[in-house]
């Protein structure tokens, strides 16, 4: 296994006999300044890894909560260069916390892939997850990530066959992001009973640690999933709490989920 911040983070959590807590933040919501402050507080509250969500005008994979957050971020004038600047400042404050850029592919294409690779590296970003990047178009992205030491994170779902999952994971590293519920992102009240088998299947097919996401909203749910996954991703629940109750409540939620994983 390569010596990277992502790999070290997952190994450390494994040594502590717990799942890693990955927190998704829509950068720029409600404003770039406030989201930068929030990221720092989330790390201090126990987030092991941060997904930097890039707002997009047509977010097909996102449910209403992340869509709303993205609209607020875009209205606040959030741009990819600004997100990378925020990442660079977070990196200086938190030298060991992995940062993964989570974006729709169109935003990256418009920015320019060669420029993106170099700028991700200089900002101290560790991983890239292009949520709608088709397997067939990955040929351009893989060498740019490899040249800049960026780990390309694959995304699989319960509908992905083991054969296709293995193809999706080729050229990727770090972990595989496994969607735990079919459909768009959002908060769920329960998780499907077949989830454990699906996560094991994804881990085996991809040969990578598994991060389970899409729908995790409580410490109990996160802990249950952590018995079958190397990491749990909390996104919509944190963002919804931020939008409805404010930053203090969002930080408190992440603190309680982090504590639940450490029990």
C-alpha atoms as a PDB file:
ATOM      1  CA  UNK A   1       0.000   0.000   0.000  1.00  0.00           C
ATOM      2  CA  UNK A   2       1.303   3.460  -0.924  1.00  0.00           C
ATOM      3  CA  UNK A   3       2.331   5.845   1.831  1.00  0.00           C
ATOM      4  CA  UNK A   4      -0.351   8.537   1.495  1.00  0.00           C
ATOM      5  CA  UNK A   5      -2.434  10.569   3.925  1.00  0.00           C
ATOM      6  CA  UNK A   6      -5.575   8.616   2.952  1.00  0.00           C
ATOM      7  CA  UNK A   7      -3.887   5.243   3.469  1.00  0.00           C
ATOM      8  CA  UNK A   8      -2.303   6.345   6.760  1.00  0.00           C
ATOM      9  CA  UNK A   9      -5.666   7.609   8.009  1.00  0.00           C
ATOM     10  CA  UNK A  10      -7.421   4.319   7.219  1.00  0.00           C
ATOM     11  CA  UNK A  11      -4.578   2.301   8.768  1.00  0.00           C
ATOM     12  CA  UNK A  12      -4.675   4.418  11.935  1.00  0.00           C
ATOM     13  CA  UNK A  13      -8.436   3.935  12.310  1.00  0.00           C
ATOM     14  CA  UNK A  14      -8.036   0.194  11.674  1.00  0.00           C
ATOM     15  CA  UNK A  15      -5.380   0.061  14.423  1.00  0.00           C
ATOM     16  CA  UNK A  16      -7.876   1.826  16.718  1.00  0.00           C
ATOM     17  CA  UNK A  17     -10.438  -0.852  15.745  1.00  0.00           C
ATOM     18  CA  UNK A  18     -12.974   1.608  14.357  1.00  0.00           C
ATOM     19  CA  UNK A  19     -14.270   2.908  11.070  1.00  0.00           C
ATOM     20  CA  UNK A  20     -12.938   6.205   9.744  1.00  0.00           C
ATOM     21  CA  UNK A  21     -15.395   9.107   9.704  1.00  0.00           C
ATOM     22  CA  UNK A  22     -15.507  10.905   6.354  1.00  0.00           C
ATOM     23  CA  UNK A  23     -17.554  14.114   6.322  1.00  0.00           C
ATOM     24  CA  UNK A  24     -18.879  15.699   3.139  1.00  0.00           C
ATOM     25  CA  UNK A  25     -19.060  19.506   3.124  1.00  0.00           C
ATOM     26  CA  UNK A  26     -20.612  21.616   0.359  1.00  0.00           C
ATOM     27  CA  UNK A  27     -17.837  24.198   0.191  1.00  0.00           C
ATOM     28  CA  UNK A  28     -19.208  27.737   0.045  1.00  0.00           C
ATOM     29  CA  UNK A  29     -22.430  27.004   1.942  1.00  0.00           C
ATOM     30  CA  UNK A  30     -23.638  29.273   3.410  1.00  0.00           C
ATOM     31  CA  UNK A  31     -20.545  31.275   2.377  1.00  0.00           C
ATOM     32  CA  UNK A  32     -16.904  30.421   1.595  1.00  0.00           C
ATOM     33  CA  UNK A  33     -15.660  32.013   4.843  1.00  0.00           C
ATOM     34  CA  UNK A  34     -18.222  30.184   6.983  1.00  0.00           C
ATOM     35  CA  UNK A  35     -17.631  26.824   5.315  1.00  0.00           C
ATOM     36  CA  UNK A  36     -13.861  27.126   5.802  1.00  0.00           C
ATOM     37  CA  UNK A  37     -14.413  27.751   9.518  1.00  0.00           C
ATOM     38  CA  UNK A  38     -16.870  24.830   9.632  1.00  0.00           C
ATOM     39  CA  UNK A  39     -14.362  22.397   8.075  1.00  0.00           C
ATOM     40  CA  UNK A  40     -11.840  23.217  10.800  1.00  0.00           C
ATOM     41  CA  UNK A  41     -14.452  22.671  13.503  1.00  0.00           C
ATOM     42  CA  UNK A  42     -15.579  19.353  11.968  1.00  0.00           C
ATOM     43  CA  UNK A  43     -11.997  18.048  11.988  1.00  0.00           C
ATOM     44  CA  UNK A  44     -11.613  19.139  15.609  1.00  0.00           C
ATOM     45  CA  UNK A  45     -14.928  17.381  16.421  1.00  0.00           C
ATOM     46  CA  UNK A  46     -13.611  14.056  15.101  1.00  0.00           C
ATOM     47  CA  UNK A  47     -13.884  13.968  11.293  1.00  0.00           C
ATOM     48  CA  UNK A  48     -10.987  11.803  10.062  1.00  0.00           C
ATOM     49  CA  UNK A  49     -11.291  12.858   6.429  1.00  0.00           C
ATOM     50  CA  UNK A  50     -13.084  15.683   4.589  1.00  0.00           C
ATOM     51  CA  UNK A  51     -14.825  15.508   1.225  1.00  0.00           C
ATOM     52  CA  UNK A  52     -14.783  18.966  -0.328  1.00  0.00           C
ATOM     53  CA  UNK A  53     -18.033  19.123  -2.282  1.00  0.00           C
ATOM     54  CA  UNK A  54     -17.854  21.385  -5.328  1.00  0.00           C
ATOM     55  CA  UNK A  55     -21.240  23.052  -5.965  1.00  0.00           C
ATOM     56  CA  UNK A  56     -22.692  22.435  -9.432  1.00  0.00           C
ATOM     57  CA  UNK A  57     -25.694  23.905 -11.223  1.00  0.00           C
ATOM     58  CA  UNK A  58     -27.073  20.523 -12.358  1.00  0.00           C
ATOM     59  CA  UNK A  59     -26.343  18.009  -9.572  1.00  0.00           C
ATOM     60  CA  UNK A  60     -28.052  14.822 -10.820  1.00  0.00           C
ATOM     61  CA  UNK A  61     -26.808  12.504  -8.047  1.00  0.00           C
ATOM     62  CA  UNK A  62     -27.761  14.828  -5.197  1.00  0.00           C
ATOM     63  CA  UNK A  63     -30.933  14.905  -3.164  1.00  0.00           C
ATOM     64  CA  UNK A  64     -32.754  18.111  -2.159  1.00  0.00           C
ATOM     65  CA  UNK A  65     -30.501  18.907   0.831  1.00  0.00           C
ATOM     66  CA  UNK A  66     -27.203  18.913  -1.095  1.00  0.00           C
ATOM     67  CA  UNK A  67     -28.914  20.663  -4.029  1.00  0.00           C
ATOM     68  CA  UNK A  68     -30.062  23.446  -1.708  1.00  0.00           C
ATOM     69  CA  UNK A  69     -26.591  23.763  -0.193  1.00  0.00           C
ATOM     70  CA  UNK A  70     -25.062  23.875  -3.670  1.00  0.00           C
ATOM     71  CA  UNK A  71     -27.424  26.648  -4.757  1.00  0.00           C
ATOM     72  CA  UNK A  72     -26.501  28.704  -1.686  1.00  0.00           C
ATOM     73  CA  UNK A  73     -22.793  28.156  -2.376  1.00  0.00           C
ATOM     74  CA  UNK A  74     -23.175  29.216  -6.016  1.00  0.00           C
ATOM     75  CA  UNK A  75     -25.217  32.270  -4.980  1.00  0.00           C
ATOM     76  CA  UNK A  76     -22.360  33.153  -2.599  1.00  0.00           C
ATOM     77  CA  UNK A  77     -20.040  33.155  -5.622  1.00  0.00           C
ATOM     78  CA  UNK A  78     -18.100  29.989  -4.757  1.00  0.00           C
ATOM     79  CA  UNK A  79     -15.687  28.879  -7.498  1.00  0.00           C
ATOM     80  CA  UNK A  80     -13.289  25.966  -7.873  1.00  0.00           C
ATOM     81  CA  UNK A  81     -10.195  28.219  -7.502  1.00  0.00           C
ATOM     82  CA  UNK A  82     -11.651  29.508  -4.231  1.00  0.00           C
ATOM     83  CA  UNK A  83     -12.306  25.946  -3.031  1.00  0.00           C
ATOM     84  CA  UNK A  84      -8.685  25.023  -3.800  1.00  0.00           C
ATOM     85  CA  UNK A  85      -7.490  28.096  -1.871  1.00  0.00           C
ATOM     86  CA  UNK A  86      -9.623  26.993   1.105  1.00  0.00           C
ATOM     87  CA  UNK A  87      -8.166  23.472   0.787  1.00  0.00           C
ATOM     88  CA  UNK A  88      -4.651  24.916   0.901  1.00  0.00           C
ATOM     89  CA  UNK A  89      -5.378  26.819   4.109  1.00  0.00           C
ATOM     90  CA  UNK A  90      -7.032  23.767   5.715  1.00  0.00           C
ATOM     91  CA  UNK A  91      -4.000  21.698   4.727  1.00  0.00           C
ATOM     92  CA  UNK A  92      -1.674  24.106   6.573  1.00  0.00           C
ATOM     93  CA  UNK A  93      -3.833  23.917   9.715  1.00  0.00           C
ATOM     94  CA  UNK A  94      -4.340  20.148   9.595  1.00  0.00           C
ATOM     95  CA  UNK A  95      -1.270  18.537   8.004  1.00  0.00           C
ATOM     96  CA  UNK A  96      -2.493  14.929   8.341  1.00  0.00           C
ATOM     97  CA  UNK A  97      -6.244  15.139   7.571  1.00  0.00           C
ATOM     98  CA  UNK A  98      -6.966  13.729   4.102  1.00  0.00           C
ATOM     99  CA  UNK A  99      -8.906  16.030   1.757  1.00  0.00           C
ATOM    100  CA  UNK A 100     -10.856  14.589  -1.175  1.00  0.00           C
ATOM    101  CA  UNK A 101     -12.309  16.838  -3.876  1.00  0.00           C
ATOM    102  CA  UNK A 102     -15.836  15.621  -4.676  1.00  0.00           C
ATOM    103  CA  UNK A 103     -17.076  17.089  -7.945  1.00  0.00           C
ATOM    104  CA  UNK A 104     -19.125  16.619 -11.074  1.00  0.00           C
ATOM    105  CA  UNK A 105     -16.890  15.964 -14.066  1.00  0.00           C
ATOM    106  CA  UNK A 106     -18.078  18.951 -16.092  1.00  0.00           C
ATOM    107  CA  UNK A 107     -16.683  21.400 -13.519  1.00  0.00           C
ATOM    108  CA  UNK A 108     -13.284  19.699 -13.767  1.00  0.00           C
ATOM    109  CA  UNK A 109     -13.313  19.695 -17.579  1.00  0.00           C
ATOM    110  CA  UNK A 110     -14.151  23.397 -17.654  1.00  0.00           C
ATOM    111  CA  UNK A 111     -11.281  24.091 -15.258  1.00  0.00           C
ATOM    112  CA  UNK A 112      -8.842  22.076 -17.392  1.00  0.00           C
ATOM    113  CA  UNK A 113      -7.588  18.661 -16.318  1.00  0.00           C
ATOM    114  CA  UNK A 114      -3.835  19.362 -16.554  1.00  0.00           C
ATOM    115  CA  UNK A 115      -4.219  22.572 -14.570  1.00  0.00           C
ATOM    116  CA  UNK A 116      -6.461  20.764 -12.080  1.00  0.00           C
ATOM    117  CA  UNK A 117      -3.897  18.050 -11.344  1.00  0.00           C
ATOM    118  CA  UNK A 118      -1.150  20.568 -10.589  1.00  0.00           C
ATOM    119  CA  UNK A 119      -3.466  22.796  -8.539  1.00  0.00           C
ATOM    120  CA  UNK A 120      -4.823  19.875  -6.477  1.00  0.00           C
ATOM    121  CA  UNK A 121      -1.253  18.870  -5.672  1.00  0.00           C
ATOM    122  CA  UNK A 122      -0.176  22.380  -4.674  1.00  0.00           C
ATOM    123  CA  UNK A 123      -3.302  22.812  -2.489  1.00  0.00           C
ATOM    124  CA  UNK A 124      -2.496  19.583  -0.637  1.00  0.00           C
ATOM    125  CA  UNK A 125      -5.611  17.735  -1.823  1.00  0.00           C
ATOM    126  CA  UNK A 126      -5.165  13.958  -1.556  1.00  0.00           C
ATOM    127  CA  UNK A 127      -7.984  12.444  -3.574  1.00  0.00           C
ATOM    128  CA  UNK A 128     -10.430  13.132  -6.387  1.00  0.00           C
ATOM    129  CA  UNK A 129     -13.917  11.703  -6.758  1.00  0.00           C
ATOM    130  CA  UNK A 130     -15.676  12.719  -9.970  1.00  0.00           C
ATOM    131  CA  UNK A 131     -19.170  11.503  -9.217  1.00  0.00           C
ATOM    132  CA  UNK A 132     -20.385  11.210 -12.829  1.00  0.00           C
ATOM    133  CA  UNK A 133     -17.091  10.308 -14.531  1.00  0.00           C
ATOM    134  CA  UNK A 134     -17.892   7.429 -16.913  1.00  0.00           C
ATOM    135  CA  UNK A 135     -15.527   4.475 -16.862  1.00  0.00           C
ATOM    136  CA  UNK A 136     -14.999   4.933 -20.587  1.00  0.00           C
ATOM    137  CA  UNK A 137     -13.698   8.511 -20.161  1.00  0.00           C
ATOM    138  CA  UNK A 138     -11.332   7.838 -17.289  1.00  0.00           C
ATOM    139  CA  UNK A 139      -8.317   7.473 -19.573  1.00  0.00           C
ATOM    140  CA  UNK A 140      -7.566  11.197 -19.406  1.00  0.00           C
ATOM    141  CA  UNK A 141      -7.984  11.522 -15.654  1.00  0.00           C
ATOM    142  CA  UNK A 142      -5.951   8.542 -14.390  1.00  0.00           C
ATOM    143  CA  UNK A 143      -2.528   9.668 -15.729  1.00  0.00           C
ATOM    144  CA  UNK A 144      -3.060  13.241 -14.482  1.00  0.00           C
ATOM    145  CA  UNK A 145      -3.880  11.958 -10.997  1.00  0.00           C
ATOM    146  CA  UNK A 146      -0.908   9.580 -11.044  1.00  0.00           C
ATOM    147  CA  UNK A 147       1.481  12.321 -12.207  1.00  0.00           C
ATOM    148  CA  UNK A 148       0.395  14.576  -9.331  1.00  0.00           C
ATOM    149  CA  UNK A 149       0.126  12.032  -6.518  1.00  0.00           C
ATOM    150  CA  UNK A 150      -3.676  12.352  -6.370  1.00  0.00           C
ATOM    151  CA  UNK A 151      -5.636   9.202  -5.492  1.00  0.00           C
ATOM    152  CA  UNK A 152      -8.587   8.707  -7.843  1.00  0.00           C
ATOM    153  CA  UNK A 153     -11.490   7.381  -5.768  1.00  0.00           C
ATOM    154  CA  UNK A 154     -13.907   5.010  -7.543  1.00  0.00           C
ATOM    155  CA  UNK A 155     -17.669   5.012  -6.915  1.00  0.00           C
ATOM    156  CA  UNK A 156     -19.783   1.853  -7.005  1.00  0.00           C
ATOM    157  CA  UNK A 157     -23.403   1.145  -6.106  1.00  0.00           C
ATOM    158  CA  UNK A 158     -25.447  -1.914  -5.094  1.00  0.00           C
ATOM    159  CA  UNK A 159     -26.399  -2.254  -8.775  1.00  0.00           C
ATOM    160  CA  UNK A 160     -22.744  -2.516  -9.910  1.00  0.00           C
ATOM    161  CA  UNK A 161     -21.756  -6.090 -10.819  1.00  0.00           C
ATOM    162  CA  UNK A 162     -18.488  -7.423  -9.304  1.00  0.00           C
ATOM    163  CA  UNK A 163     -16.975  -7.553 -12.813  1.00  0.00           C
ATOM    164  CA  UNK A 164     -17.783  -3.913 -13.522  1.00  0.00           C
ATOM    165  CA  UNK A 165     -16.704  -2.866 -10.008  1.00  0.00           C
ATOM    166  CA  UNK A 166     -13.273  -4.415 -10.661  1.00  0.00           C
ATOM    167  CA  UNK A 167     -13.009  -2.452 -13.933  1.00  0.00           C
ATOM    168  CA  UNK A 168     -14.094   0.778 -12.214  1.00  0.00           C
ATOM    169  CA  UNK A 169     -11.437   0.298  -9.518  1.00  0.00           C
ATOM    170  CA  UNK A 170      -8.599  -0.301 -12.001  1.00  0.00           C
ATOM    171  CA  UNK A 171      -6.247   2.690 -11.863  1.00  0.00           C
ATOM    172  CA  UNK A 172      -7.866   3.915  -8.632  1.00  0.00           C
ATOM    173  CA  UNK A 173      -6.553   3.806  -5.069  1.00  0.00           C
ATOM    174  CA  UNK A 174      -7.258   4.988  -1.535  1.00  0.00           C
ATOM    175  CA  UNK A 175     -10.717   3.538  -1.038  1.00  0.00           C
ATOM    176  CA  UNK A 176     -13.846   2.706  -2.994  1.00  0.00           C
ATOM    177  CA  UNK A 177     -16.883   4.887  -2.264  1.00  0.00           C
ATOM    178  CA  UNK A 178     -19.803   2.501  -2.021  1.00  0.00           C
ATOM    179  CA  UNK A 179     -23.285   4.001  -2.270  1.00  0.00           C
ATOM    180  CA  UNK A 180     -25.328   2.176   0.345  1.00  0.00           C
ATOM    181  CA  UNK A 181     -28.811   3.047  -0.935  1.00  0.00           C
ATOM    182  CA  UNK A 182     -30.095   3.187  -4.493  1.00  0.00           C
ATOM    183  CA  UNK A 183     -31.096   6.650  -5.724  1.00  0.00           C
ATOM    184  CA  UNK A 184     -29.884  10.154  -4.990  1.00  0.00           C
ATOM    185  CA  UNK A 185     -28.129  11.340  -1.834  1.00  0.00           C
ATOM    186  CA  UNK A 186     -30.243  12.016   1.223  1.00  0.00           C
ATOM    187  CA  UNK A 187     -30.916  11.073   4.811  1.00  0.00           C
ATOM    188  CA  UNK A 188     -32.397   7.607   5.424  1.00  0.00           C
ATOM    189  CA  UNK A 189     -34.050   6.300   8.578  1.00  0.00           C
ATOM    190  CA  UNK A 190     -32.813   2.745   8.067  1.00  0.00           C
ATOM    191  CA  UNK A 191     -30.410   0.810   5.899  1.00  0.00           C
ATOM    192  CA  UNK A 192     -31.146  -2.187   3.675  1.00  0.00           C
ATOM    193  CA  UNK A 193     -30.550  -5.606   5.291  1.00  0.00           C
ATOM    194  CA  UNK A 194     -28.479  -6.803   2.318  1.00  0.00           C
ATOM    195  CA  UNK A 195     -25.983  -3.964   2.851  1.00  0.00           C
ATOM    196  CA  UNK A 196     -23.311  -6.028   4.653  1.00  0.00           C
ATOM    197  CA  UNK A 197     -23.066  -8.493   1.762  1.00  0.00           C
ATOM    198  CA  UNK A 198     -22.957  -5.660  -0.799  1.00  0.00           C
ATOM    199  CA  UNK A 199     -20.102  -3.917   1.041  1.00  0.00           C
ATOM    200  CA  UNK A 200     -18.129  -7.171   1.320  1.00  0.00           C
ATOM    201  CA  UNK A 201     -18.693  -7.815  -2.387  1.00  0.00           C
ATOM    202  CA  UNK A 202     -17.459  -4.307  -3.325  1.00  0.00           C
ATOM    203  CA  UNK A 203     -14.370  -4.666  -1.123  1.00  0.00           C
ATOM    204  CA  UNK A 204     -13.506  -8.027  -2.678  1.00  0.00           C
ATOM    205  CA  UNK A 205     -14.163  -6.932  -6.276  1.00  0.00           C
ATOM    206  CA  UNK A 206     -12.231  -3.657  -5.992  1.00  0.00           C
ATOM    207  CA  UNK A 207      -9.401  -4.826  -3.741  1.00  0.00           C
ATOM    208  CA  UNK A 208      -9.627  -1.539  -1.835  1.00  0.00           C
ATOM    209  CA  UNK A 209     -10.918  -0.396   1.572  1.00  0.00           C
ATOM    210  CA  UNK A 210     -14.618   0.511   1.424  1.00  0.00           C
ATOM    211  CA  UNK A 211     -16.227   3.802   2.473  1.00  0.00           C
ATOM    212  CA  UNK A 212     -20.007   3.534   2.770  1.00  0.00           C
ATOM    213  CA  UNK A 213     -22.105   6.605   2.115  1.00  0.00           C
ATOM    214  CA  UNK A 214     -25.461   8.099   1.104  1.00  0.00           C
ATOM    215  CA  UNK A 215     -28.000   8.054   3.906  1.00  0.00           C
ATOM    216  CA  UNK A 216     -26.071   7.772   7.184  1.00  0.00           C
ATOM    217  CA  UNK A 217     -27.702  10.086   9.708  1.00  0.00           C
ATOM    218  CA  UNK A 218     -27.182   8.834  13.279  1.00  0.00           C
ATOM    219  CA  UNK A 219     -24.329   7.559  15.483  1.00  0.00           C
ATOM    220  CA  UNK A 220     -26.080   4.161  15.672  1.00  0.00           C
ATOM    221  CA  UNK A 221     -26.358   3.854  11.888  1.00  0.00           C
ATOM    222  CA  UNK A 222     -22.723   4.874  11.418  1.00  0.00           C
ATOM    223  CA  UNK A 223     -21.578   2.357  14.021  1.00  0.00           C
ATOM    224  CA  UNK A 224     -23.649  -0.471  12.486  1.00  0.00           C
ATOM    225  CA  UNK A 225     -22.148   0.208   9.057  1.00  0.00           C
ATOM    226  CA  UNK A 226     -18.616   0.491  10.453  1.00  0.00           C
ATOM    227  CA  UNK A 227     -18.663  -3.240  11.266  1.00  0.00           C
ATOM    228  CA  UNK A 228     -18.811  -3.910   7.513  1.00  0.00           C
ATOM    229  CA  UNK A 229     -16.923  -0.921   6.046  1.00  0.00           C
ATOM    230  CA  UNK A 230     -13.531   0.700   6.602  1.00  0.00           C
ATOM    231  CA  UNK A 231     -15.074   4.181   6.618  1.00  0.00           C
ATOM    232  CA  UNK A 232     -18.496   5.786   6.854  1.00  0.00           C
ATOM    233  CA  UNK A 233     -19.410   8.937   4.955  1.00  0.00           C
ATOM    234  CA  UNK A 234     -21.785  11.468   6.486  1.00  0.00           C
ATOM    235  CA  UNK A 235     -23.028  14.141   4.100  1.00  0.00           C
ATOM    236  CA  UNK A 236     -26.703  15.026   3.841  1.00  0.00           C
ATOM    237  CA  UNK A 237     -27.357  14.665   7.586  1.00  0.00           C
ATOM    238  CA  UNK A 238     -24.613  17.153   8.440  1.00  0.00           C
ATOM    239  CA  UNK A 239     -25.576  19.570   5.648  1.00  0.00           C
ATOM    240  CA  UNK A 240     -29.276  19.404   6.573  1.00  0.00           C
ATOM    241  CA  UNK A 241     -28.413  20.139  10.212  1.00  0.00           C
ATOM    242  CA  UNK A 242     -26.218  23.046   9.089  1.00  0.00           C
ATOM    243  CA  UNK A 243     -29.014  24.519   6.947  1.00  0.00           C
ATOM    244  CA  UNK A 244     -31.807  23.982   9.480  1.00  0.00           C
ATOM    245  CA  UNK A 245     -30.071  24.522  12.821  1.00  0.00           C
ATOM    246  CA  UNK A 246     -26.706  26.163  12.131  1.00  0.00           C
ATOM    247  CA  UNK A 247     -23.004  25.338  12.408  1.00  0.00           C
ATOM    248  CA  UNK A 248     -22.965  24.551  16.149  1.00  0.00           C
ATOM    249  CA  UNK A 249     -25.602  21.830  15.705  1.00  0.00           C
ATOM    250  CA  UNK A 250     -23.799  20.407  12.652  1.00  0.00           C
ATOM    251  CA  UNK A 251     -20.515  20.191  14.575  1.00  0.00           C
ATOM    252  CA  UNK A 252     -22.336  18.584  17.503  1.00  0.00           C
ATOM    253  CA  UNK A 253     -23.857  15.921  15.202  1.00  0.00           C
ATOM    254  CA  UNK A 254     -20.434  15.019  13.798  1.00  0.00           C
ATOM    255  CA  UNK A 255     -18.984  14.946  17.320  1.00  0.00           C
ATOM    256  CA  UNK A 256     -21.660  12.466  18.407  1.00  0.00           C
ATOM    257  CA  UNK A 257     -21.126  10.243  15.333  1.00  0.00           C
ATOM    258  CA  UNK A 258     -17.337  10.330  15.881  1.00  0.00           C
ATOM    259  CA  UNK A 259     -17.839   9.348  19.529  1.00  0.00           C
ATOM    260  CA  UNK A 260     -20.163   6.512  18.475  1.00  0.00           C
ATOM    261  CA  UNK A 261     -17.506   5.090  16.145  1.00  0.00           C
ATOM    262  CA  UNK A 262     -14.902   5.225  18.920  1.00  0.00           C
ATOM    263  CA  UNK A 263     -16.976   3.252  21.448  1.00  0.00           C
END
